N, C-alpha and C. Protein backbone atom coordinates (compact mmCIF):
# COMPACT_ATOMS: atom_id res chain seq x y z
N MET A 1 0.85 -1.18 0.00
CA MET A 1 0.00 0.00 0.00
C MET A 1 0.88 1.24 0.00
N TYR A 2 0.44 2.24 -0.69
CA TYR A 2 1.20 3.48 -0.76
C TYR A 2 0.43 4.55 0.01
N PRO A 3 1.03 5.12 1.09
CA PRO A 3 0.29 6.09 1.90
C PRO A 3 -0.14 7.29 1.06
N THR A 4 -1.34 7.79 1.31
CA THR A 4 -1.78 8.99 0.64
C THR A 4 -1.14 10.19 1.30
N ARG A 5 -1.18 11.30 0.61
CA ARG A 5 -0.57 12.52 1.15
C ARG A 5 -1.67 13.46 1.60
N ARG A 6 -2.16 13.22 2.81
CA ARG A 6 -3.28 14.01 3.33
C ARG A 6 -2.94 15.50 3.37
N LEU A 7 -1.71 15.81 3.72
CA LEU A 7 -1.32 17.22 3.80
C LEU A 7 -1.41 17.88 2.44
N VAL A 8 -0.96 17.17 1.40
CA VAL A 8 -1.04 17.72 0.05
C VAL A 8 -2.49 17.95 -0.34
N LEU A 9 -3.35 16.96 -0.07
CA LEU A 9 -4.75 17.09 -0.41
C LEU A 9 -5.38 18.25 0.36
N ALA A 10 -5.06 18.35 1.66
CA ALA A 10 -5.62 19.43 2.45
C ALA A 10 -5.20 20.79 1.90
N THR A 11 -3.95 20.87 1.46
CA THR A 11 -3.46 22.12 0.89
C THR A 11 -4.19 22.45 -0.41
N LEU A 12 -4.38 21.43 -1.24
CA LEU A 12 -5.08 21.65 -2.51
C LEU A 12 -6.52 22.09 -2.28
N LEU A 13 -7.18 21.45 -1.32
CA LEU A 13 -8.56 21.79 -1.05
C LEU A 13 -8.70 23.16 -0.40
N ALA A 14 -7.65 23.60 0.30
CA ALA A 14 -7.69 24.89 0.96
C ALA A 14 -7.39 26.04 0.01
N THR A 15 -6.85 25.73 -1.16
CA THR A 15 -6.56 26.76 -2.14
C THR A 15 -7.86 27.39 -2.60
N PRO A 16 -7.97 28.73 -2.57
CA PRO A 16 -9.23 29.39 -2.93
C PRO A 16 -9.80 28.94 -4.26
N ALA A 17 -8.94 28.73 -5.26
CA ALA A 17 -9.43 28.34 -6.58
C ALA A 17 -9.95 26.91 -6.61
N LEU A 18 -9.65 26.15 -5.54
CA LEU A 18 -10.04 24.74 -5.53
C LEU A 18 -11.12 24.45 -4.50
N THR A 19 -11.93 25.45 -4.17
CA THR A 19 -13.01 25.24 -3.22
C THR A 19 -13.91 24.13 -3.71
N ARG A 20 -14.29 23.23 -2.78
CA ARG A 20 -15.12 22.09 -3.17
C ARG A 20 -16.47 22.56 -3.66
N VAL A 21 -16.97 21.91 -4.70
CA VAL A 21 -18.28 22.24 -5.24
C VAL A 21 -19.06 20.95 -5.47
N ALA A 22 -20.37 21.04 -5.40
CA ALA A 22 -21.20 19.87 -5.65
C ALA A 22 -21.36 19.70 -7.15
N ARG A 23 -21.15 18.46 -7.63
CA ARG A 23 -21.22 18.23 -9.05
C ARG A 23 -22.11 17.03 -9.38
N ALA A 24 -22.97 16.66 -8.47
CA ALA A 24 -23.76 15.45 -8.67
C ALA A 24 -24.70 15.56 -9.87
N ASP A 25 -25.19 16.76 -10.16
CA ASP A 25 -26.19 16.90 -11.21
C ASP A 25 -25.63 17.44 -12.52
N THR A 26 -24.33 17.60 -12.60
CA THR A 26 -23.77 18.17 -13.82
C THR A 26 -23.83 17.19 -14.97
N PRO A 27 -24.11 17.70 -16.18
CA PRO A 27 -24.15 16.81 -17.34
C PRO A 27 -22.76 16.60 -17.96
N ASP A 28 -21.76 17.27 -17.43
CA ASP A 28 -20.42 17.17 -18.00
C ASP A 28 -19.94 15.72 -17.93
N PRO A 29 -19.67 15.10 -19.08
CA PRO A 29 -19.28 13.68 -19.09
C PRO A 29 -17.96 13.40 -18.40
N ARG A 30 -17.14 14.42 -18.21
CA ARG A 30 -15.87 14.19 -17.54
C ARG A 30 -16.05 13.80 -16.08
N PHE A 31 -17.18 14.15 -15.50
CA PHE A 31 -17.41 13.86 -14.08
C PHE A 31 -18.14 12.54 -13.87
N ALA A 32 -18.55 11.90 -14.95
CA ALA A 32 -19.28 10.64 -14.84
C ALA A 32 -18.33 9.51 -14.45
N PRO A 33 -18.85 8.48 -13.77
CA PRO A 33 -18.00 7.33 -13.40
C PRO A 33 -17.40 6.67 -14.64
N ARG A 34 -16.19 6.16 -14.48
CA ARG A 34 -15.52 5.40 -15.53
C ARG A 34 -15.52 3.95 -15.10
N SER A 35 -16.25 3.12 -15.85
CA SER A 35 -16.36 1.72 -15.45
C SER A 35 -16.35 0.82 -16.65
N VAL A 36 -16.04 -0.45 -16.38
CA VAL A 36 -16.11 -1.49 -17.40
C VAL A 36 -16.91 -2.65 -16.81
N GLY A 37 -17.58 -3.38 -17.67
CA GLY A 37 -18.37 -4.51 -17.20
C GLY A 37 -19.86 -4.23 -17.26
N SER A 38 -20.62 -5.26 -17.02
CA SER A 38 -22.07 -5.17 -17.11
C SER A 38 -22.66 -4.28 -16.02
N PRO A 39 -23.56 -3.37 -16.37
CA PRO A 39 -24.21 -2.54 -15.35
C PRO A 39 -25.11 -3.34 -14.42
N THR A 40 -25.42 -4.59 -14.80
CA THR A 40 -26.27 -5.43 -13.94
C THR A 40 -25.47 -6.51 -13.22
N ALA A 41 -24.14 -6.39 -13.21
CA ALA A 41 -23.31 -7.39 -12.52
C ALA A 41 -23.65 -7.43 -11.04
N LYS A 42 -23.56 -8.62 -10.47
CA LYS A 42 -23.87 -8.78 -9.04
C LYS A 42 -22.84 -8.11 -8.15
N ASN A 43 -21.63 -7.96 -8.64
CA ASN A 43 -20.55 -7.37 -7.86
C ASN A 43 -20.11 -6.04 -8.47
N VAL A 44 -20.02 -5.03 -7.61
CA VAL A 44 -19.50 -3.74 -8.04
C VAL A 44 -18.24 -3.46 -7.23
N VAL A 45 -17.14 -3.25 -7.94
CA VAL A 45 -15.86 -3.00 -7.29
C VAL A 45 -15.33 -1.66 -7.74
N GLU A 46 -15.00 -0.80 -6.78
CA GLU A 46 -14.35 0.47 -7.08
C GLU A 46 -12.88 0.33 -6.70
N GLU A 47 -12.01 0.74 -7.59
CA GLU A 47 -10.59 0.81 -7.23
C GLU A 47 -10.20 2.27 -7.11
N TRP A 48 -9.82 2.68 -5.91
CA TRP A 48 -9.28 4.01 -5.68
C TRP A 48 -7.77 3.90 -5.84
N PHE A 49 -7.24 4.55 -6.86
CA PHE A 49 -5.84 4.35 -7.23
C PHE A 49 -5.14 5.67 -7.48
N SER A 50 -3.83 5.60 -7.45
CA SER A 50 -2.98 6.75 -7.74
C SER A 50 -2.09 6.42 -8.92
N PHE A 51 -1.97 7.36 -9.84
CA PHE A 51 -1.15 7.12 -11.03
C PHE A 51 0.33 6.97 -10.72
N THR A 52 0.78 7.47 -9.58
CA THR A 52 2.20 7.37 -9.23
C THR A 52 2.47 6.39 -8.11
N CYS A 53 1.48 5.58 -7.78
CA CYS A 53 1.65 4.57 -6.72
C CYS A 53 2.23 3.28 -7.30
N PRO A 54 3.41 2.84 -6.85
CA PRO A 54 4.01 1.60 -7.36
C PRO A 54 3.14 0.38 -7.12
N HIS A 55 2.40 0.36 -6.02
CA HIS A 55 1.53 -0.78 -5.73
C HIS A 55 0.34 -0.83 -6.69
N CYS A 56 -0.16 0.34 -7.05
CA CYS A 56 -1.24 0.40 -8.04
C CYS A 56 -0.73 -0.09 -9.39
N ALA A 57 0.49 0.30 -9.73
CA ALA A 57 1.09 -0.14 -11.00
C ALA A 57 1.29 -1.65 -11.01
N ALA A 58 1.76 -2.20 -9.90
CA ALA A 58 1.97 -3.65 -9.82
C ALA A 58 0.65 -4.40 -9.94
N PHE A 59 -0.39 -3.89 -9.29
CA PHE A 59 -1.70 -4.53 -9.37
C PHE A 59 -2.22 -4.49 -10.82
N ALA A 60 -2.07 -3.33 -11.47
CA ALA A 60 -2.54 -3.20 -12.85
C ALA A 60 -1.80 -4.15 -13.78
N ARG A 61 -0.56 -4.38 -13.49
CA ARG A 61 0.29 -5.22 -14.35
C ARG A 61 0.06 -6.71 -14.07
N GLU A 62 -0.03 -7.07 -12.80
CA GLU A 62 -0.01 -8.48 -12.42
C GLU A 62 -1.38 -9.11 -12.18
N THR A 63 -2.34 -8.32 -11.75
CA THR A 63 -3.63 -8.89 -11.33
C THR A 63 -4.81 -8.43 -12.19
N TYR A 64 -4.81 -7.17 -12.56
CA TYR A 64 -5.97 -6.65 -13.29
C TYR A 64 -6.27 -7.40 -14.59
N PRO A 65 -5.28 -7.80 -15.38
CA PRO A 65 -5.62 -8.51 -16.62
C PRO A 65 -6.49 -9.75 -16.39
N ASP A 66 -6.20 -10.50 -15.33
CA ASP A 66 -7.03 -11.68 -15.01
C ASP A 66 -8.42 -11.27 -14.56
N ILE A 67 -8.49 -10.20 -13.77
CA ILE A 67 -9.79 -9.70 -13.32
C ILE A 67 -10.63 -9.28 -14.52
N ARG A 68 -10.00 -8.58 -15.44
CA ARG A 68 -10.71 -8.11 -16.63
C ARG A 68 -11.24 -9.28 -17.45
N ALA A 69 -10.38 -10.25 -17.70
CA ALA A 69 -10.75 -11.37 -18.56
C ALA A 69 -11.72 -12.35 -17.89
N LYS A 70 -11.48 -12.65 -16.62
CA LYS A 70 -12.23 -13.72 -15.96
C LYS A 70 -13.45 -13.26 -15.16
N LEU A 71 -13.47 -11.99 -14.78
CA LEU A 71 -14.55 -11.52 -13.93
C LEU A 71 -15.37 -10.39 -14.56
N VAL A 72 -14.69 -9.46 -15.21
CA VAL A 72 -15.39 -8.32 -15.82
C VAL A 72 -16.02 -8.75 -17.15
N ASP A 73 -15.22 -9.33 -18.03
CA ASP A 73 -15.72 -9.69 -19.36
C ASP A 73 -16.75 -10.81 -19.32
N THR A 74 -16.80 -11.55 -18.22
CA THR A 74 -17.78 -12.63 -18.09
C THR A 74 -19.08 -12.15 -17.44
N GLY A 75 -19.14 -10.88 -17.06
CA GLY A 75 -20.36 -10.32 -16.50
C GLY A 75 -20.52 -10.43 -15.00
N ARG A 76 -19.49 -10.93 -14.32
CA ARG A 76 -19.61 -11.11 -12.87
C ARG A 76 -19.32 -9.83 -12.08
N VAL A 77 -18.48 -8.95 -12.64
CA VAL A 77 -18.05 -7.74 -11.93
C VAL A 77 -18.20 -6.51 -12.82
N ARG A 78 -18.73 -5.45 -12.22
CA ARG A 78 -18.60 -4.13 -12.83
C ARG A 78 -17.49 -3.42 -12.08
N TYR A 79 -16.49 -2.99 -12.81
CA TYR A 79 -15.27 -2.44 -12.22
C TYR A 79 -15.25 -0.93 -12.46
N VAL A 80 -15.16 -0.18 -11.37
CA VAL A 80 -15.22 1.28 -11.45
C VAL A 80 -13.85 1.85 -11.07
N PHE A 81 -13.30 2.67 -11.95
CA PHE A 81 -12.02 3.32 -11.69
C PHE A 81 -12.27 4.64 -10.95
N ARG A 82 -11.54 4.84 -9.85
CA ARG A 82 -11.66 6.07 -9.06
C ARG A 82 -10.26 6.64 -8.80
N GLU A 83 -10.03 7.82 -9.31
CA GLU A 83 -8.71 8.44 -9.12
C GLU A 83 -8.57 8.98 -7.69
N PHE A 84 -7.40 8.78 -7.11
CA PHE A 84 -7.11 9.28 -5.77
C PHE A 84 -5.76 10.01 -5.82
N PRO A 85 -5.76 11.25 -6.34
CA PRO A 85 -4.49 11.97 -6.53
C PRO A 85 -3.78 12.25 -5.21
N ARG A 86 -2.47 12.00 -5.18
CA ARG A 86 -1.67 12.24 -3.99
C ARG A 86 -0.85 13.52 -4.09
N ASP A 87 -0.74 14.05 -5.29
CA ASP A 87 0.05 15.27 -5.48
C ASP A 87 -0.37 15.90 -6.80
N ARG A 88 0.30 16.98 -7.17
CA ARG A 88 -0.08 17.72 -8.38
C ARG A 88 0.12 16.89 -9.66
N LEU A 89 1.14 16.08 -9.72
CA LEU A 89 1.37 15.26 -10.90
C LEU A 89 0.26 14.22 -11.05
N ASP A 90 -0.10 13.60 -9.94
CA ASP A 90 -1.23 12.66 -9.93
C ASP A 90 -2.51 13.34 -10.41
N LEU A 91 -2.73 14.54 -9.91
CA LEU A 91 -3.92 15.28 -10.27
C LEU A 91 -3.93 15.59 -11.76
N ALA A 92 -2.78 16.00 -12.30
CA ALA A 92 -2.69 16.28 -13.73
C ALA A 92 -3.00 15.04 -14.56
N ALA A 93 -2.47 13.89 -14.14
CA ALA A 93 -2.74 12.64 -14.86
C ALA A 93 -4.22 12.31 -14.85
N ALA A 94 -4.87 12.52 -13.70
CA ALA A 94 -6.30 12.25 -13.60
C ALA A 94 -7.10 13.18 -14.49
N GLU A 95 -6.71 14.45 -14.53
CA GLU A 95 -7.41 15.42 -15.37
C GLU A 95 -7.29 15.05 -16.85
N VAL A 96 -6.11 14.64 -17.24
CA VAL A 96 -5.90 14.25 -18.64
C VAL A 96 -6.73 13.02 -18.97
N ALA A 97 -6.69 12.01 -18.11
CA ALA A 97 -7.45 10.78 -18.34
C ALA A 97 -8.94 11.09 -18.48
N ARG A 98 -9.45 11.95 -17.62
CA ARG A 98 -10.86 12.30 -17.64
C ARG A 98 -11.24 13.14 -18.85
N SER A 99 -10.27 13.79 -19.46
CA SER A 99 -10.54 14.66 -20.61
C SER A 99 -10.48 13.92 -21.94
N LEU A 100 -10.02 12.69 -21.91
CA LEU A 100 -10.00 11.86 -23.11
C LEU A 100 -11.39 11.29 -23.37
N PRO A 101 -11.68 10.87 -24.62
CA PRO A 101 -12.94 10.16 -24.85
C PRO A 101 -13.06 8.96 -23.92
N VAL A 102 -14.27 8.65 -23.49
CA VAL A 102 -14.48 7.57 -22.52
C VAL A 102 -13.85 6.26 -22.98
N SER A 103 -13.91 5.99 -24.27
CA SER A 103 -13.36 4.73 -24.78
C SER A 103 -11.85 4.63 -24.62
N ARG A 104 -11.19 5.77 -24.45
CA ARG A 104 -9.73 5.76 -24.30
C ARG A 104 -9.28 5.79 -22.84
N TYR A 105 -10.23 5.93 -21.93
CA TYR A 105 -9.87 6.09 -20.51
C TYR A 105 -9.12 4.87 -19.97
N GLU A 106 -9.73 3.69 -20.05
CA GLU A 106 -9.09 2.49 -19.48
C GLU A 106 -7.73 2.23 -20.13
N PRO A 107 -7.61 2.23 -21.47
CA PRO A 107 -6.29 2.01 -22.06
C PRO A 107 -5.25 3.03 -21.62
N PHE A 108 -5.68 4.28 -21.47
CA PHE A 108 -4.73 5.33 -21.05
C PHE A 108 -4.28 5.11 -19.61
N VAL A 109 -5.22 4.80 -18.74
CA VAL A 109 -4.88 4.52 -17.34
C VAL A 109 -3.88 3.37 -17.25
N LEU A 110 -4.16 2.30 -17.96
CA LEU A 110 -3.27 1.14 -17.91
C LEU A 110 -1.90 1.47 -18.51
N ALA A 111 -1.88 2.29 -19.56
CA ALA A 111 -0.60 2.69 -20.17
C ALA A 111 0.21 3.54 -19.20
N LEU A 112 -0.44 4.46 -18.50
CA LEU A 112 0.29 5.29 -17.53
C LEU A 112 0.85 4.44 -16.40
N LEU A 113 0.07 3.50 -15.91
CA LEU A 113 0.55 2.65 -14.82
C LEU A 113 1.68 1.73 -15.30
N ALA A 114 1.55 1.24 -16.53
CA ALA A 114 2.60 0.37 -17.07
C ALA A 114 3.90 1.13 -17.30
N GLY A 115 3.78 2.39 -17.71
CA GLY A 115 4.97 3.20 -18.00
C GLY A 115 5.32 4.16 -16.89
N GLN A 116 4.87 3.88 -15.69
CA GLN A 116 5.03 4.79 -14.56
C GLN A 116 6.47 5.26 -14.36
N GLN A 117 7.42 4.36 -14.45
CA GLN A 117 8.82 4.73 -14.23
C GLN A 117 9.32 5.71 -15.29
N GLN A 118 8.80 5.58 -16.50
CA GLN A 118 9.29 6.41 -17.60
C GLN A 118 8.76 7.84 -17.56
N TRP A 119 7.52 8.03 -17.10
CA TRP A 119 6.98 9.40 -17.11
C TRP A 119 6.92 10.03 -15.72
N ALA A 120 6.54 9.26 -14.70
CA ALA A 120 6.36 9.85 -13.37
C ALA A 120 7.66 9.98 -12.58
N PHE A 121 8.58 9.06 -12.80
CA PHE A 121 9.80 9.06 -12.01
C PHE A 121 11.05 9.27 -12.85
N THR A 122 10.87 9.89 -14.00
CA THR A 122 12.00 10.14 -14.88
C THR A 122 13.00 11.09 -14.21
N LYS A 123 14.27 10.83 -14.43
CA LYS A 123 15.32 11.69 -13.88
C LYS A 123 15.96 12.55 -14.97
N THR A 124 15.52 12.36 -16.20
CA THR A 124 16.15 13.07 -17.31
C THR A 124 15.22 14.08 -17.99
N ALA A 125 13.98 14.18 -17.52
CA ALA A 125 13.03 15.09 -18.15
C ALA A 125 12.02 15.58 -17.11
N GLU A 126 11.21 16.52 -17.50
CA GLU A 126 10.15 17.03 -16.64
C GLU A 126 8.96 16.06 -16.70
N PRO A 127 8.53 15.51 -15.56
CA PRO A 127 7.44 14.52 -15.58
C PRO A 127 6.18 15.00 -16.31
N LYS A 128 5.84 16.28 -16.17
CA LYS A 128 4.63 16.76 -16.82
C LYS A 128 4.79 16.74 -18.34
N ASP A 129 5.99 17.00 -18.82
CA ASP A 129 6.23 16.93 -20.27
C ASP A 129 6.13 15.48 -20.75
N GLU A 130 6.62 14.55 -19.93
CA GLU A 130 6.50 13.14 -20.29
C GLU A 130 5.04 12.69 -20.27
N LEU A 131 4.27 13.23 -19.33
CA LEU A 131 2.84 12.95 -19.29
C LEU A 131 2.17 13.47 -20.56
N ALA A 132 2.58 14.65 -21.00
CA ALA A 132 2.03 15.22 -22.24
C ALA A 132 2.33 14.32 -23.44
N LYS A 133 3.51 13.71 -23.45
CA LYS A 133 3.85 12.79 -24.54
C LYS A 133 2.95 11.56 -24.51
N MET A 134 2.67 11.06 -23.31
CA MET A 134 1.76 9.91 -23.19
C MET A 134 0.36 10.30 -23.67
N ALA A 135 -0.07 11.51 -23.32
CA ALA A 135 -1.37 11.98 -23.75
C ALA A 135 -1.43 12.10 -25.27
N ALA A 136 -0.34 12.57 -25.87
CA ALA A 136 -0.29 12.69 -27.33
C ALA A 136 -0.46 11.33 -28.00
N LEU A 137 0.12 10.30 -27.40
CA LEU A 137 -0.05 8.95 -27.95
C LEU A 137 -1.50 8.49 -27.89
N ALA A 138 -2.25 9.06 -26.94
CA ALA A 138 -3.68 8.73 -26.82
C ALA A 138 -4.54 9.65 -27.68
N GLY A 139 -3.90 10.54 -28.44
CA GLY A 139 -4.64 11.40 -29.35
C GLY A 139 -4.93 12.79 -28.84
N MET A 140 -4.29 13.20 -27.75
CA MET A 140 -4.53 14.53 -27.18
C MET A 140 -3.38 15.47 -27.54
N PRO A 141 -3.63 16.50 -28.34
CA PRO A 141 -2.57 17.46 -28.67
C PRO A 141 -2.17 18.28 -27.44
N ARG A 142 -1.00 18.92 -27.50
CA ARG A 142 -0.48 19.66 -26.35
C ARG A 142 -1.43 20.77 -25.91
N SER A 143 -2.09 21.43 -26.85
CA SER A 143 -3.01 22.50 -26.48
C SER A 143 -4.16 21.96 -25.62
N ALA A 144 -4.68 20.79 -25.99
CA ALA A 144 -5.76 20.18 -25.20
C ALA A 144 -5.23 19.69 -23.85
N PHE A 145 -4.01 19.19 -23.84
CA PHE A 145 -3.37 18.76 -22.60
C PHE A 145 -3.27 19.94 -21.63
N ASP A 146 -2.78 21.07 -22.12
CA ASP A 146 -2.62 22.25 -21.26
C ASP A 146 -3.97 22.72 -20.73
N ARG A 147 -5.00 22.67 -21.56
CA ARG A 147 -6.34 23.07 -21.09
C ARG A 147 -6.83 22.11 -20.00
N ALA A 148 -6.56 20.82 -20.18
CA ALA A 148 -7.04 19.82 -19.21
C ALA A 148 -6.40 20.03 -17.84
N ILE A 149 -5.10 20.25 -17.81
CA ILE A 149 -4.43 20.37 -16.51
C ILE A 149 -4.63 21.74 -15.86
N ASP A 150 -5.21 22.68 -16.62
CA ASP A 150 -5.51 24.00 -16.06
C ASP A 150 -7.00 24.16 -15.76
N ASP A 151 -7.78 23.11 -15.91
CA ASP A 151 -9.22 23.18 -15.75
C ASP A 151 -9.59 23.11 -14.27
N LYS A 152 -9.97 24.25 -13.70
CA LYS A 152 -10.25 24.32 -12.27
C LYS A 152 -11.52 23.56 -11.90
N ALA A 153 -12.52 23.57 -12.79
CA ALA A 153 -13.75 22.84 -12.48
C ALA A 153 -13.47 21.35 -12.35
N LEU A 154 -12.64 20.83 -13.23
CA LEU A 154 -12.30 19.41 -13.18
C LEU A 154 -11.47 19.10 -11.94
N GLU A 155 -10.54 19.98 -11.60
CA GLU A 155 -9.76 19.81 -10.36
C GLU A 155 -10.69 19.72 -9.15
N GLU A 156 -11.62 20.67 -9.10
CA GLU A 156 -12.54 20.72 -7.96
C GLU A 156 -13.36 19.44 -7.85
N ALA A 157 -13.84 18.95 -8.99
CA ALA A 157 -14.65 17.74 -8.98
C ALA A 157 -13.85 16.53 -8.51
N LEU A 158 -12.63 16.39 -9.00
CA LEU A 158 -11.79 15.26 -8.61
C LEU A 158 -11.43 15.31 -7.14
N LEU A 159 -11.07 16.49 -6.65
CA LEU A 159 -10.68 16.62 -5.25
C LEU A 159 -11.87 16.46 -4.31
N SER A 160 -13.04 16.94 -4.75
CA SER A 160 -14.24 16.77 -3.95
C SER A 160 -14.61 15.29 -3.84
N GLN A 161 -14.55 14.59 -4.97
CA GLN A 161 -14.83 13.15 -4.99
C GLN A 161 -13.86 12.41 -4.07
N GLN A 162 -12.59 12.78 -4.13
CA GLN A 162 -11.58 12.12 -3.30
C GLN A 162 -11.82 12.38 -1.82
N SER A 163 -12.11 13.63 -1.48
CA SER A 163 -12.34 13.98 -0.08
C SER A 163 -13.56 13.25 0.48
N ASP A 164 -14.62 13.17 -0.31
CA ASP A 164 -15.82 12.46 0.13
C ASP A 164 -15.52 10.99 0.39
N ALA A 165 -14.76 10.36 -0.52
CA ALA A 165 -14.42 8.94 -0.36
C ALA A 165 -13.51 8.73 0.84
N GLU A 166 -12.60 9.65 1.06
CA GLU A 166 -11.68 9.54 2.19
C GLU A 166 -12.45 9.54 3.50
N GLN A 167 -13.47 10.39 3.58
CA GLN A 167 -14.28 10.46 4.79
C GLN A 167 -15.21 9.26 4.91
N LYS A 168 -15.84 8.88 3.81
CA LYS A 168 -16.83 7.79 3.85
C LYS A 168 -16.19 6.45 4.14
N TYR A 169 -15.04 6.18 3.48
CA TYR A 169 -14.42 4.86 3.59
C TYR A 169 -13.12 4.86 4.40
N ASN A 170 -12.72 6.03 4.91
CA ASN A 170 -11.47 6.15 5.66
C ASN A 170 -10.27 5.66 4.85
N ILE A 171 -10.23 6.04 3.59
CA ILE A 171 -9.13 5.64 2.72
C ILE A 171 -7.86 6.37 3.13
N ASP A 172 -6.80 5.62 3.39
CA ASP A 172 -5.53 6.25 3.74
C ASP A 172 -4.36 5.63 2.99
N SER A 173 -4.66 4.84 1.97
CA SER A 173 -3.59 4.24 1.16
C SER A 173 -4.17 3.84 -0.19
N THR A 174 -3.26 3.69 -1.13
CA THR A 174 -3.67 3.21 -2.46
C THR A 174 -2.86 1.99 -2.83
N PRO A 175 -3.48 1.04 -3.53
CA PRO A 175 -4.89 1.04 -3.90
C PRO A 175 -5.79 0.65 -2.74
N THR A 176 -7.03 1.14 -2.78
CA THR A 176 -8.07 0.66 -1.88
C THR A 176 -9.24 0.24 -2.74
N PHE A 177 -9.78 -0.94 -2.45
CA PHE A 177 -10.88 -1.48 -3.22
C PHE A 177 -12.15 -1.44 -2.38
N ILE A 178 -13.22 -0.93 -2.97
CA ILE A 178 -14.52 -0.96 -2.32
C ILE A 178 -15.30 -2.07 -3.01
N VAL A 179 -15.45 -3.18 -2.33
CA VAL A 179 -16.10 -4.36 -2.91
C VAL A 179 -17.51 -4.46 -2.35
N ASN A 180 -18.48 -4.19 -3.21
CA ASN A 180 -19.89 -4.22 -2.80
C ASN A 180 -20.12 -3.38 -1.54
N GLY A 181 -19.46 -2.22 -1.51
CA GLY A 181 -19.65 -1.26 -0.42
C GLY A 181 -18.69 -1.39 0.75
N THR A 182 -17.85 -2.42 0.75
CA THR A 182 -16.92 -2.63 1.87
C THR A 182 -15.49 -2.35 1.43
N PRO A 183 -14.77 -1.48 2.17
CA PRO A 183 -13.40 -1.15 1.77
C PRO A 183 -12.39 -2.24 2.13
N HIS A 184 -11.44 -2.44 1.21
CA HIS A 184 -10.34 -3.39 1.40
C HIS A 184 -9.06 -2.72 0.92
N PRO A 185 -8.23 -2.24 1.84
CA PRO A 185 -7.00 -1.56 1.42
C PRO A 185 -5.91 -2.55 1.03
N GLY A 186 -5.06 -2.12 0.12
CA GLY A 186 -3.87 -2.89 -0.22
C GLY A 186 -3.98 -3.61 -1.54
N GLU A 187 -2.83 -3.91 -2.09
CA GLU A 187 -2.72 -4.65 -3.35
C GLU A 187 -3.21 -6.07 -3.13
N LEU A 188 -4.07 -6.55 -4.02
CA LEU A 188 -4.68 -7.88 -3.86
C LEU A 188 -4.23 -8.82 -4.95
N SER A 189 -4.14 -10.09 -4.60
CA SER A 189 -3.93 -11.12 -5.62
C SER A 189 -5.28 -11.44 -6.26
N PHE A 190 -5.26 -12.14 -7.36
CA PHE A 190 -6.52 -12.53 -8.01
C PHE A 190 -7.35 -13.40 -7.08
N GLU A 191 -6.69 -14.29 -6.35
CA GLU A 191 -7.41 -15.19 -5.44
C GLU A 191 -8.07 -14.39 -4.31
N GLN A 192 -7.35 -13.43 -3.75
CA GLN A 192 -7.91 -12.60 -2.69
C GLN A 192 -9.09 -11.78 -3.21
N PHE A 193 -8.93 -11.24 -4.37
CA PHE A 193 -9.97 -10.44 -5.01
C PHE A 193 -11.23 -11.29 -5.23
N SER A 194 -11.05 -12.44 -5.82
CA SER A 194 -12.17 -13.32 -6.15
C SER A 194 -12.92 -13.77 -4.90
N ALA A 195 -12.16 -13.99 -3.81
CA ALA A 195 -12.77 -14.50 -2.59
C ALA A 195 -13.75 -13.51 -1.95
N MET A 196 -13.65 -12.25 -2.30
CA MET A 196 -14.51 -11.23 -1.70
C MET A 196 -15.82 -11.04 -2.46
N LEU A 197 -15.97 -11.70 -3.59
CA LEU A 197 -17.13 -11.50 -4.44
C LEU A 197 -18.30 -12.42 -4.05
N VAL A 198 -19.50 -11.96 -4.33
CA VAL A 198 -20.66 -12.84 -4.14
C VAL A 198 -20.79 -13.70 -5.40
N ALA A 199 -21.36 -14.87 -5.23
CA ALA A 199 -21.49 -15.82 -6.35
C ALA A 199 -22.47 -15.29 -7.39
């Protein structure tokens, strides 16, 4: 598990431009849940993840492919992606992912987690510039990238969603999985994940 940065989040939320706002009724598609799987699946799993969390990256690489193929694609699980930014770079990645067409969201998230060392922890370039290159590969030009990471309404929505989840589920690390309403912190194996599901 990778500890969240509560102080960073508190600072972001305290910034006047980032005052929390209610967005439950907005028609803006960027604020809608990002999920895969049948809407009538018996199991609903939310993954609260961070784009720069090594444990989230390991889970995406080692466990998620089996979950996708054996549980999501078979109709047993609806899997909901929930961003949990720990810092400004995380927040920028979430904003970019949310600004892409919905069909590109999951592939982009998985690409960022797979290439985490190359863009988030690079020692030879500016991480945000590397993130922009990843966005370009997903079809987002630099002008759209700059607009996405400067979008205060999107920042507010993401931080509000994160703060609400932190209070409701007491999330203090990533990844945290909410399985049918019950939180389970920490990186899970496929067997551990499967064992928490209803038949």
